[in-house]
Amino acid sequence: MLVVTTDELPGYHVHAVLGEVVISLARTRNAFAEGVKSLRGGAYDPKAPQHLLRWRTEAVAELGRAARRRGANAVLGMRFDHRDTGTLWLELCAYGTAVVVTKAVPQVP
């Protein structure tokens, strides 16, 4: 599954636009939800780079699965958004346009 932030995919032809795909993941700000190992390492920071990177990677994978369920083989214009939803939760949202693409065949003059 190709998931890109660009609106076009060089070297590919878009054959069908299947519509917007959106996923939303809730992640806890609670240190206990991360398990005992986080307690040994001191304070738990839910916005630490390693957590955000892992959560964004999970969001992209889930977005790809959502697009595949719609019959797509690519997502164009992928974006992220996140927000605090109370004192214990963070919402991470990923969205884009599900499309069907094929690799372009070079034109020989």
Protein backbone atom coordinates (compact mmCIF):
# COMPACT_ATOMS: atom_id res chain seq x y z
CA MET A 1 0.00 0.00 0.00
CA LEU A 2 1.44 3.34 -1.04
CA VAL A 3 0.64 6.13 1.43
CA VAL A 4 2.05 9.51 0.44
CA THR A 5 1.64 13.11 1.55
CA THR A 6 1.69 14.40 -2.02
CA ASP A 7 -1.43 15.00 -4.11
CA GLU A 8 0.09 13.23 -7.11
CA LEU A 9 2.18 10.10 -7.47
CA PRO A 10 4.88 10.54 -10.12
CA GLY A 11 5.24 7.50 -12.32
CA TYR A 12 1.67 6.32 -11.64
CA HIS A 13 -1.74 6.92 -13.19
CA VAL A 14 -4.75 7.46 -10.94
CA HIS A 15 -7.58 5.37 -12.36
CA ALA A 16 -10.18 5.85 -9.64
CA VAL A 17 -10.71 8.13 -6.67
CA LEU A 18 -12.57 6.16 -4.01
CA GLY A 19 -12.95 8.97 -1.50
CA GLU A 20 -11.64 10.08 1.82
CA VAL A 21 -10.34 7.62 4.38
CA VAL A 22 -10.04 8.65 8.02
CA ILE A 23 -8.84 6.77 11.06
CA SER A 24 -8.74 7.89 14.66
CA LEU A 25 -6.63 6.27 17.37
CA ALA A 26 -6.94 7.03 21.07
CA ARG A 27 -3.80 6.73 23.14
CA THR A 28 -3.64 7.01 26.89
CA ARG A 29 -1.50 9.48 28.78
CA ASN A 30 -1.56 7.06 31.71
CA ALA A 31 1.88 5.68 32.58
CA PHE A 32 0.35 2.46 33.93
CA ALA A 33 -1.07 1.64 30.49
CA GLU A 34 2.48 1.47 29.13
CA GLY A 35 3.29 -1.29 31.57
CA VAL A 36 5.70 -1.76 34.41
CA LYS A 37 8.75 -1.11 32.22
CA SER A 38 7.80 2.56 31.91
CA LEU A 39 7.76 2.87 35.69
CA ARG A 40 11.43 1.88 35.85
CA GLY A 41 12.39 4.61 33.40
CA GLY A 42 11.02 7.56 35.36
CA ALA A 43 8.38 10.01 34.19
CA TYR A 44 6.23 8.95 31.26
CA ASP A 45 5.87 11.59 28.55
CA PRO A 46 3.16 10.64 26.02
CA LYS A 47 4.45 13.23 23.56
CA ALA A 48 8.01 11.90 23.62
CA PRO A 49 9.34 11.32 20.09
CA GLN A 50 9.50 7.53 20.41
CA HIS A 51 5.80 7.36 21.35
CA LEU A 52 4.61 9.77 18.67
CA LEU A 53 6.67 8.02 15.99
CA ARG A 54 5.30 4.61 16.96
CA TRP A 55 1.74 5.92 17.10
CA ARG A 56 2.05 7.68 13.74
CA THR A 57 3.44 4.50 12.19
CA GLU A 58 0.45 2.59 13.59
CA ALA A 59 -1.90 5.27 12.23
CA VAL A 60 -0.42 5.04 8.71
CA ALA A 61 -0.72 1.25 8.77
CA GLU A 62 -4.35 1.47 9.91
CA LEU A 63 -5.07 4.11 7.24
CA GLY A 64 -3.65 1.75 4.61
CA ARG A 65 -5.89 -1.07 5.87
CA ALA A 66 -8.94 1.22 5.75
CA ALA A 67 -8.11 2.24 2.17
CA ARG A 68 -7.57 -1.40 1.14
CA ARG A 69 -11.01 -2.31 2.51
CA ARG A 70 -12.43 0.29 0.11
CA GLY A 71 -10.58 -1.30 -2.82
CA ALA A 72 -7.68 1.18 -3.00
CA ASN A 73 -4.02 0.44 -3.51
CA ALA A 74 -2.77 3.91 -2.54
CA VAL A 75 -3.58 6.91 -0.36
CA LEU A 76 -2.78 10.40 -1.61
CA GLY A 77 -2.55 13.60 0.44
CA MET A 78 -2.11 11.82 3.77
CA ARG A 79 -2.11 14.13 6.80
CA PHE A 80 -1.99 13.79 10.59
CA ASP A 81 -3.77 15.65 13.31
CA HIS A 82 -3.69 15.13 17.05
CA ARG A 83 -5.30 16.64 20.08
CA ASP A 84 -5.64 16.11 23.78
CA THR A 85 -9.04 14.71 24.71
CA GLY A 86 -9.07 15.29 28.41
CA THR A 87 -6.30 14.78 30.90
CA LEU A 88 -5.68 11.10 30.17
CA TRP A 89 -6.15 10.71 26.41
CA LEU A 90 -4.59 11.83 23.15
CA GLU A 91 -6.38 11.37 19.82
CA LEU A 92 -4.27 10.80 16.71
CA CYS A 93 -6.09 11.12 13.40
CA ALA A 94 -4.74 10.24 9.95
CA TYR A 95 -6.62 10.96 6.75
CA GLY A 96 -6.17 11.06 2.99
CA THR A 97 -7.74 10.12 -0.33
CA ALA A 98 -8.08 6.44 -1.27
CA VAL A 99 -7.22 5.84 -4.92
CA VAL A 100 -6.53 3.06 -7.41
CA VAL A 101 -3.24 3.58 -9.25
CA THR A 102 -1.17 1.69 -11.81
CA LYS A 103 2.46 2.14 -12.68
CA ALA A 104 2.83 4.36 -15.76
CA VAL A 105 4.36 2.80 -18.84
CA PRO A 106 6.97 5.09 -20.39
CA GLN A 107 5.98 6.38 -23.81
CA VAL A 108 8.49 5.50 -26.53
CA PRO A 109 8.48 7.99 -29.45
